[in-house]
Amino acid sequence: MSDINYVKKDTYDSMKVELQHMKGVERPAASRAIAEAREKGDLKENAEYDAAKEAQGMLEAKIKQLEGIIATARIVDETNIDTSKVSILTKVTVTNMATKKQVTYQIVSEKEADLKQSKISASSPIGKGLLGKVIGDVSEIQAPAGIIKLKIEKITA
Protein backbone atom coordinates (compact mmCIF):
# COMPACT_ATOMS: atom_id res chain seq x y z
CA MET A 1 0.00 0.00 0.00
CA SER A 2 2.78 2.42 -0.78
CA ASP A 3 0.86 4.09 -3.61
CA ILE A 4 -0.45 7.57 -3.01
CA ASN A 5 -4.24 7.84 -2.88
CA TYR A 6 -5.44 11.14 -4.30
CA VAL A 7 -8.81 12.10 -2.85
CA LYS A 8 -11.08 15.10 -2.57
CA LYS A 9 -11.39 16.76 0.84
CA ASP A 10 -14.94 15.50 1.44
CA THR A 11 -13.89 11.90 0.68
CA TYR A 12 -10.93 12.22 3.06
CA ASP A 13 -13.21 13.59 5.78
CA SER A 14 -15.76 10.78 5.30
CA MET A 15 -12.97 8.16 5.54
CA LYS A 16 -11.82 9.71 8.85
CA VAL A 17 -15.40 9.61 10.20
CA GLU A 18 -15.80 5.99 9.05
CA LEU A 19 -12.52 5.02 10.77
CA GLN A 20 -13.55 6.73 14.03
CA HIS A 21 -16.89 4.90 13.92
CA MET A 22 -15.18 1.54 13.41
CA LYS A 23 -12.74 2.18 16.25
CA GLY A 24 -15.16 3.83 18.67
CA VAL A 25 -18.39 1.92 18.06
CA GLU A 26 -17.85 -1.29 16.10
CA ARG A 27 -14.63 -2.42 17.84
CA PRO A 28 -16.12 -2.23 21.38
CA ALA A 29 -19.27 -3.97 20.13
CA ALA A 30 -17.17 -6.81 18.69
CA SER A 31 -15.31 -7.15 22.00
CA ARG A 32 -18.61 -7.32 23.90
CA ALA A 33 -19.92 -9.99 21.51
CA ILE A 34 -16.81 -12.10 22.15
CA ALA A 35 -17.14 -11.66 25.92
CA GLU A 36 -20.82 -12.66 25.85
CA ALA A 37 -20.07 -15.72 23.73
CA ARG A 38 -17.17 -16.70 26.02
CA GLU A 39 -19.53 -16.72 29.01
CA LYS A 40 -21.68 -19.37 27.32
CA GLY A 41 -19.28 -22.20 28.03
CA ASP A 42 -16.84 -24.46 26.24
CA LEU A 43 -14.99 -22.47 23.55
CA LYS A 44 -14.19 -25.57 21.46
CA GLU A 45 -17.83 -26.15 20.55
CA ASN A 46 -19.08 -22.56 20.73
CA ALA A 47 -20.08 -21.43 17.23
CA GLU A 48 -21.18 -18.04 18.54
CA TYR A 49 -17.67 -17.42 19.91
CA ASP A 50 -16.08 -18.48 16.61
CA ALA A 51 -18.40 -16.16 14.66
CA ALA A 52 -17.68 -13.24 17.00
CA LYS A 53 -13.91 -13.79 16.70
CA GLU A 54 -14.17 -13.98 12.90
CA ALA A 55 -16.24 -10.77 12.78
CA GLN A 56 -13.66 -9.06 14.99
CA GLY A 57 -10.86 -10.21 12.67
CA MET A 58 -12.65 -8.86 9.60
CA LEU A 59 -13.31 -5.55 11.37
CA GLU A 60 -9.64 -5.24 12.33
CA ALA A 61 -8.63 -5.93 8.72
CA LYS A 62 -11.00 -3.20 7.48
CA ILE A 63 -9.61 -0.77 10.07
CA LYS A 64 -6.04 -1.56 9.02
CA GLN A 65 -6.90 -1.12 5.33
CA LEU A 66 -8.65 2.21 5.92
CA GLU A 67 -5.77 3.45 8.11
CA GLY A 68 -3.40 2.62 5.23
CA ILE A 69 -5.52 4.52 2.72
CA ILE A 70 -5.75 7.55 5.03
CA ALA A 71 -2.00 7.44 5.74
CA THR A 72 -1.18 7.60 2.03
CA ALA A 73 -3.98 10.01 1.10
CA ARG A 74 -3.19 13.30 -0.56
CA ILE A 75 -6.00 15.83 -0.73
CA VAL A 76 -6.45 17.28 -4.20
CA ASP A 77 -7.87 20.77 -4.53
CA GLU A 78 -10.52 20.69 -7.26
CA THR A 79 -10.02 24.38 -8.05
CA ASN A 80 -6.36 23.94 -9.10
CA ILE A 81 -6.67 21.04 -11.55
CA ASP A 82 -4.25 21.14 -14.50
CA THR A 83 -6.29 20.42 -17.64
CA SER A 84 -3.34 20.44 -20.05
CA LYS A 85 -3.03 16.68 -19.52
CA VAL A 86 -5.10 13.87 -18.03
CA SER A 87 -4.57 13.77 -14.27
CA ILE A 88 -6.46 12.86 -11.12
CA LEU A 89 -9.93 14.55 -10.94
CA THR A 90 -9.90 15.64 -14.59
CA LYS A 91 -12.78 14.71 -16.84
CA VAL A 92 -11.58 13.25 -20.11
CA THR A 93 -13.66 12.65 -23.21
CA VAL A 94 -12.29 9.81 -25.32
CA THR A 95 -13.27 8.16 -28.58
CA ASN A 96 -12.94 4.41 -28.92
CA MET A 97 -11.08 4.08 -32.23
CA ALA A 98 -12.73 0.73 -33.05
CA THR A 99 -16.36 1.61 -32.32
CA LYS A 100 -16.12 5.41 -32.80
CA LYS A 101 -18.14 5.81 -29.58
CA GLN A 102 -17.36 8.76 -27.33
CA VAL A 103 -17.44 8.54 -23.56
CA THR A 104 -16.42 10.89 -20.76
CA TYR A 105 -14.70 9.62 -17.62
CA GLN A 106 -13.56 11.38 -14.49
CA ILE A 107 -10.28 10.01 -13.15
CA VAL A 108 -10.61 9.52 -9.38
CA SER A 109 -9.06 7.57 -6.51
CA GLU A 110 -9.93 3.92 -5.97
CA LYS A 111 -12.14 4.89 -3.01
CA GLU A 112 -14.24 7.25 -5.17
CA ALA A 113 -14.52 5.07 -8.30
CA ASP A 114 -18.08 4.45 -9.51
CA LEU A 115 -18.57 3.35 -13.11
CA LYS A 116 -22.28 4.23 -13.01
CA GLN A 117 -21.23 7.86 -12.50
CA SER A 118 -18.44 7.51 -15.10
CA LYS A 119 -15.80 7.81 -12.37
CA ILE A 120 -12.90 5.45 -12.99
CA SER A 121 -9.97 4.71 -10.73
CA ALA A 122 -6.56 6.10 -11.64
CA SER A 123 -5.22 2.63 -10.83
CA SER A 124 -7.57 0.83 -13.25
CA PRO A 125 -6.18 -0.23 -16.66
CA ILE A 126 -8.08 2.56 -18.45
CA GLY A 127 -7.18 5.12 -15.77
CA LYS A 128 -3.49 4.18 -15.94
CA GLY A 129 -3.58 4.28 -19.74
CA LEU A 130 -5.08 7.78 -19.82
CA LEU A 131 -3.00 9.47 -17.11
CA GLY A 132 -0.49 11.96 -18.50
CA LYS A 133 -1.98 11.99 -22.00
CA VAL A 134 -2.84 15.24 -23.81
CA ILE A 135 -5.56 16.12 -26.31
CA GLY A 136 -4.98 14.26 -29.57
CA ASP A 137 -3.01 11.38 -28.01
CA VAL A 138 -4.14 7.81 -28.64
CA SER A 139 -3.74 5.50 -25.68
CA GLU A 140 -3.46 1.75 -26.22
CA ILE A 141 -4.91 -0.03 -23.20
CA GLN A 142 -4.58 -3.74 -22.54
CA ALA A 143 -8.00 -5.07 -21.55
CA PRO A 144 -9.24 -8.65 -21.09
CA ALA A 145 -10.89 -8.45 -24.53
CA GLY A 146 -7.69 -7.22 -26.17
CA ILE A 147 -6.11 -3.85 -26.83
CA ILE A 148 -8.43 -0.85 -26.78
CA LYS A 149 -7.34 2.34 -28.55
CA LEU A 150 -8.78 5.50 -27.02
CA LYS A 151 -8.20 8.95 -28.53
CA ILE A 152 -8.20 11.90 -26.11
CA GLU A 153 -10.74 14.46 -27.39
CA LYS A 154 -11.24 16.84 -24.45
CA ILE A 155 -9.90 17.39 -20.92
CA THR A 156 -11.84 19.48 -18.39
CA ALA A 157 -11.86 20.08 -14.66
C-alpha atoms as a PDB file:
ATOM      1  CA  MET A   1       0.000   0.000   0.000  1.00  0.00           C
ATOM      2  CA  SER A   2       2.785   2.425  -0.779  1.00  0.00           C
ATOM      3  CA  ASP A   3       0.858   4.090  -3.613  1.00  0.00           C
ATOM      4  CA  ILE A   4      -0.448   7.570  -3.014  1.00  0.00           C
ATOM      5  CA  ASN A   5      -4.236   7.836  -2.876  1.00  0.00           C
ATOM      6  CA  TYR A   6      -5.439  11.137  -4.301  1.00  0.00           C
ATOM      7  CA  VAL A   7      -8.806  12.097  -2.848  1.00  0.00           C
ATOM      8  CA  LYS A   8     -11.079  15.098  -2.566  1.00  0.00           C
ATOM      9  CA  LYS A   9     -11.388  16.761   0.840  1.00  0.00           C
ATOM     10  CA  ASP A  10     -14.944  15.496   1.437  1.00  0.00           C
ATOM     11  CA  THR A  11     -13.886  11.902   0.682  1.00  0.00           C
ATOM     12  CA  TYR A  12     -10.933  12.223   3.061  1.00  0.00           C
ATOM     13  CA  ASP A  13     -13.213  13.594   5.783  1.00  0.00           C
ATOM     14  CA  SER A  14     -15.757  10.778   5.298  1.00  0.00           C
ATOM     15  CA  MET A  15     -12.973   8.164   5.545  1.00  0.00           C
ATOM     16  CA  LYS A  16     -11.820   9.709   8.846  1.00  0.00           C
ATOM     17  CA  VAL A  17     -15.397   9.612  10.198  1.00  0.00           C
ATOM     18  CA  GLU A  18     -15.800   5.990   9.055  1.00  0.00           C
ATOM     19  CA  LEU A  19     -12.523   5.023  10.766  1.00  0.00           C
ATOM     20  CA  GLN A  20     -13.546   6.732  14.032  1.00  0.00           C
ATOM     21  CA  HIS A  21     -16.889   4.897  13.921  1.00  0.00           C
ATOM     22  CA  MET A  22     -15.183   1.543  13.409  1.00  0.00           C
ATOM     23  CA  LYS A  23     -12.741   2.176  16.247  1.00  0.00           C
ATOM     24  CA  GLY A  24     -15.163   3.834  18.669  1.00  0.00           C
ATOM     25  CA  VAL A  25     -18.393   1.923  18.064  1.00  0.00           C
ATOM     26  CA  GLU A  26     -17.846  -1.291  16.103  1.00  0.00           C
ATOM     27  CA  ARG A  27     -14.632  -2.417  17.840  1.00  0.00           C
ATOM     28  CA  PRO A  28     -16.118  -2.229  21.381  1.00  0.00           C
ATOM     29  CA  ALA A  29     -19.273  -3.971  20.135  1.00  0.00           C
ATOM     30  CA  ALA A  30     -17.167  -6.807  18.688  1.00  0.00           C
ATOM     31  CA  SER A  31     -15.307  -7.154  22.002  1.00  0.00           C
ATOM     32  CA  ARG A  32     -18.611  -7.315  23.895  1.00  0.00           C
ATOM     33  CA  ALA A  33     -19.922  -9.995  21.507  1.00  0.00           C
ATOM     34  CA  ILE A  34     -16.813 -12.102  22.148  1.00  0.00           C
ATOM     35  CA  ALA A  35     -17.139 -11.659  25.915  1.00  0.00           C
ATOM     36  CA  GLU A  36     -20.818 -12.664  25.848  1.00  0.00           C
ATOM     37  CA  ALA A  37     -20.068 -15.721  23.727  1.00  0.00           C
ATOM     38  CA  ARG A  38     -17.167 -16.703  26.017  1.00  0.00           C
ATOM     39  CA  GLU A  39     -19.534 -16.724  29.009  1.00  0.00           C
ATOM     40  CA  LYS A  40     -21.681 -19.371  27.320  1.00  0.00           C
ATOM     41  CA  GLY A  41     -19.283 -22.205  28.028  1.00  0.00           C
ATOM     42  CA  ASP A  42     -16.838 -24.462  26.243  1.00  0.00           C
ATOM     43  CA  LEU A  43     -14.993 -22.473  23.553  1.00  0.00           C
ATOM     44  CA  LYS A  44     -14.193 -25.570  21.459  1.00  0.00           C
ATOM     45  CA  GLU A  45     -17.830 -26.145  20.554  1.00  0.00           C
ATOM     46  CA  ASN A  46     -19.080 -22.558  20.733  1.00  0.00           C
ATOM     47  CA  ALA A  47     -20.082 -21.432  17.228  1.00  0.00           C
ATOM     48  CA  GLU A  48     -21.178 -18.037  18.538  1.00  0.00           C
ATOM     49  CA  TYR A  49     -17.674 -17.423  19.908  1.00  0.00           C
ATOM     50  CA  ASP A  50     -16.076 -18.477  16.610  1.00  0.00           C
ATOM     51  CA  ALA A  51     -18.396 -16.165  14.662  1.00  0.00           C
ATOM     52  CA  ALA A  52     -17.680 -13.243  16.998  1.00  0.00           C
ATOM     53  CA  LYS A  53     -13.906 -13.794  16.695  1.00  0.00           C
ATOM     54  CA  GLU A  54     -14.167 -13.980  12.898  1.00  0.00           C
ATOM     55  CA  ALA A  55     -16.240 -10.774  12.780  1.00  0.00           C
ATOM     56  CA  GLN A  56     -13.660  -9.056  14.987  1.00  0.00           C
ATOM     57  CA  GLY A  57     -10.860 -10.213  12.670  1.00  0.00           C
ATOM     58  CA  MET A  58     -12.648  -8.864   9.598  1.00  0.00           C
ATOM     59  CA  LEU A  59     -13.305  -5.549  11.368  1.00  0.00           C
ATOM     60  CA  GLU A  60      -9.635  -5.240  12.330  1.00  0.00           C
ATOM     61  CA  ALA A  61      -8.627  -5.932   8.720  1.00  0.00           C
ATOM     62  CA  LYS A  62     -10.998  -3.204   7.481  1.00  0.00           C
ATOM     63  CA  ILE A  63      -9.613  -0.774  10.071  1.00  0.00           C
ATOM     64  CA  LYS A  64      -6.039  -1.561   9.022  1.00  0.00           C
ATOM     65  CA  GLN A  65      -6.898  -1.115   5.328  1.00  0.00           C
ATOM     66  CA  LEU A  66      -8.649   2.213   5.918  1.00  0.00           C
ATOM     67  CA  GLU A  67      -5.775   3.447   8.106  1.00  0.00           C
ATOM     68  CA  GLY A  68      -3.400   2.617   5.227  1.00  0.00           C
ATOM     69  CA  ILE A  69      -5.523   4.520   2.724  1.00  0.00           C
ATOM     70  CA  ILE A  70      -5.751   7.548   5.025  1.00  0.00           C
ATOM     71  CA  ALA A  71      -2.002   7.439   5.742  1.00  0.00           C
ATOM     72  CA  THR A  72      -1.177   7.599   2.026  1.00  0.00           C
ATOM     73  CA  ALA A  73      -3.985  10.015   1.101  1.00  0.00           C
ATOM     74  CA  ARG A  74      -3.192  13.300  -0.557  1.00  0.00           C
ATOM     75  CA  ILE A  75      -6.003  15.827  -0.731  1.00  0.00           C
ATOM     76  CA  VAL A  76      -6.445  17.277  -4.198  1.00  0.00           C
ATOM     77  CA  ASP A  77      -7.875  20.773  -4.529  1.00  0.00           C
ATOM     78  CA  GLU A  78     -10.515  20.687  -7.261  1.00  0.00           C
ATOM     79  CA  THR A  79     -10.019  24.382  -8.047  1.00  0.00           C
ATOM     80  CA  ASN A  80      -6.364  23.938  -9.099  1.00  0.00           C
ATOM     81  CA  ILE A  81      -6.666  21.044 -11.548  1.00  0.00           C
ATOM     82  CA  ASP A  82      -4.251  21.138 -14.497  1.00  0.00           C
ATOM     83  CA  THR A  83      -6.287  20.420 -17.638  1.00  0.00           C
ATOM     84  CA  SER A  84      -3.338  20.444 -20.054  1.00  0.00           C
ATOM     85  CA  LYS A  85      -3.030  16.683 -19.524  1.00  0.00           C
ATOM     86  CA  VAL A  86      -5.099  13.866 -18.030  1.00  0.00           C
ATOM     87  CA  SER A  87      -4.571  13.768 -14.269  1.00  0.00           C
ATOM     88  CA  ILE A  88      -6.465  12.864 -11.125  1.00  0.00           C
ATOM     89  CA  LEU A  89      -9.926  14.551 -10.939  1.00  0.00           C
ATOM     90  CA  THR A  90      -9.897  15.641 -14.586  1.00  0.00           C
ATOM     91  CA  LYS A  91     -12.784  14.706 -16.835  1.00  0.00           C
ATOM     92  CA  VAL A  92     -11.579  13.250 -20.106  1.00  0.00           C
ATOM     93  CA  THR A  93     -13.657  12.645 -23.213  1.00  0.00           C
ATOM     94  CA  VAL A  94     -12.294   9.809 -25.320  1.00  0.00           C
ATOM     95  CA  THR A  95     -13.267   8.164 -28.584  1.00  0.00           C
ATOM     96  CA  ASN A  96     -12.941   4.405 -28.920  1.00  0.00           C
ATOM     97  CA  MET A  97     -11.081   4.085 -32.233  1.00  0.00           C
ATOM     98  CA  ALA A  98     -12.729   0.725 -33.046  1.00  0.00           C
ATOM     99  CA  THR A  99     -16.361   1.606 -32.320  1.00  0.00           C
ATOM    100  CA  LYS A 100     -16.121   5.410 -32.802  1.00  0.00           C
ATOM    101  CA  LYS A 101     -18.144   5.813 -29.582  1.00  0.00           C
ATOM    102  CA  GLN A 102     -17.361   8.762 -27.334  1.00  0.00           C
ATOM    103  CA  VAL A 103     -17.439   8.541 -23.556  1.00  0.00           C
ATOM    104  CA  THR A 104     -16.417  10.889 -20.760  1.00  0.00           C
ATOM    105  CA  TYR A 105     -14.700   9.618 -17.617  1.00  0.00           C
ATOM    106  CA  GLN A 106     -13.561  11.377 -14.492  1.00  0.00           C
ATOM    107  CA  ILE A 107     -10.279  10.012 -13.151  1.00  0.00           C
ATOM    108  CA  VAL A 108     -10.614   9.520  -9.384  1.00  0.00           C
ATOM    109  CA  SER A 109      -9.064   7.573  -6.509  1.00  0.00           C
ATOM    110  CA  GLU A 110      -9.930   3.919  -5.968  1.00  0.00           C
ATOM    111  CA  LYS A 111     -12.135   4.888  -3.013  1.00  0.00           C
ATOM    112  CA  GLU A 112     -14.238   7.252  -5.172  1.00  0.00           C
ATOM    113  CA  ALA A 113     -14.517   5.070  -8.301  1.00  0.00           C
ATOM    114  CA  ASP A 114     -18.084   4.450  -9.509  1.00  0.00           C
ATOM    115  CA  LEU A 115     -18.567   3.354 -13.110  1.00  0.00           C
ATOM    116  CA  LYS A 116     -22.284   4.228 -13.006  1.00  0.00           C
ATOM    117  CA  GLN A 117     -21.234   7.861 -12.497  1.00  0.00           C
ATOM    118  CA  SER A 118     -18.438   7.512 -15.099  1.00  0.00           C
ATOM    119  CA  LYS A 119     -15.799   7.809 -12.370  1.00  0.00           C
ATOM    120  CA  ILE A 120     -12.897   5.448 -12.990  1.00  0.00           C
ATOM    121  CA  SER A 121      -9.972   4.714 -10.733  1.00  0.00           C
ATOM    122  CA  ALA A 122      -6.559   6.100 -11.639  1.00  0.00           C
ATOM    123  CA  SER A 123      -5.215   2.632 -10.833  1.00  0.00           C
ATOM    124  CA  SER A 124      -7.569   0.829 -13.253  1.00  0.00           C
ATOM    125  CA  PRO A 125      -6.178  -0.229 -16.659  1.00  0.00           C
ATOM    126  CA  ILE A 126      -8.079   2.564 -18.452  1.00  0.00           C
ATOM    127  CA  GLY A 127      -7.183   5.119 -15.767  1.00  0.00           C
ATOM    128  CA  LYS A 128      -3.485   4.184 -15.942  1.00  0.00           C
ATOM    129  CA  GLY A 129      -3.578   4.284 -19.736  1.00  0.00           C
ATOM    130  CA  LEU A 130      -5.079   7.777 -19.820  1.00  0.00           C
ATOM    131  CA  LEU A 131      -2.997   9.472 -17.106  1.00  0.00           C
ATOM    132  CA  GLY A 132      -0.486  11.956 -18.497  1.00  0.00           C
ATOM    133  CA  LYS A 133      -1.983  11.991 -22.002  1.00  0.00           C
ATOM    134  CA  VAL A 134      -2.839  15.241 -23.806  1.00  0.00           C
ATOM    135  CA  ILE A 135      -5.564  16.122 -26.313  1.00  0.00           C
ATOM    136  CA  GLY A 136      -4.982  14.259 -29.573  1.00  0.00           C
ATOM    137  CA  ASP A 137      -3.011  11.383 -28.007  1.00  0.00           C
ATOM    138  CA  VAL A 138      -4.135   7.806 -28.644  1.00  0.00           C
ATOM    139  CA  SER A 139      -3.739   5.499 -25.682  1.00  0.00           C
ATOM    140  CA  GLU A 140      -3.456   1.750 -26.225  1.00  0.00           C
ATOM    141  CA  ILE A 141      -4.908  -0.025 -23.199  1.00  0.00           C
ATOM    142  CA  GLN A 142      -4.577  -3.741 -22.537  1.00  0.00           C
ATOM    143  CA  ALA A 143      -8.001  -5.066 -21.547  1.00  0.00           C
ATOM    144  CA  PRO A 144      -9.239  -8.645 -21.086  1.00  0.00           C
ATOM    145  CA  ALA A 145     -10.892  -8.449 -24.526  1.00  0.00           C
ATOM    146  CA  GLY A 146      -7.690  -7.225 -26.166  1.00  0.00           C
ATOM    147  CA  ILE A 147      -6.109  -3.846 -26.835  1.00  0.00           C
ATOM    148  CA  ILE A 148      -8.434  -0.847 -26.779  1.00  0.00           C
ATOM    149  CA  LYS A 149      -7.337   2.342 -28.546  1.00  0.00           C
ATOM    150  CA  LEU A 150      -8.782   5.498 -27.016  1.00  0.00           C
ATOM    151  CA  LYS A 151      -8.199   8.955 -28.525  1.00  0.00           C
ATOM    152  CA  ILE A 152      -8.200  11.902 -26.111  1.00  0.00           C
ATOM    153  CA  GLU A 153     -10.737  14.465 -27.392  1.00  0.00           C
ATOM    154  CA  LYS A 154     -11.240  16.841 -24.452  1.00  0.00           C
ATOM    155  CA  ILE A 155      -9.900  17.391 -20.923  1.00  0.00           C
ATOM    156  CA  THR A 156     -11.837  19.479 -18.393  1.00  0.00           C
ATOM    157  CA  ALA A 157     -11.858  20.082 -14.657  1.00  0.00           C
END
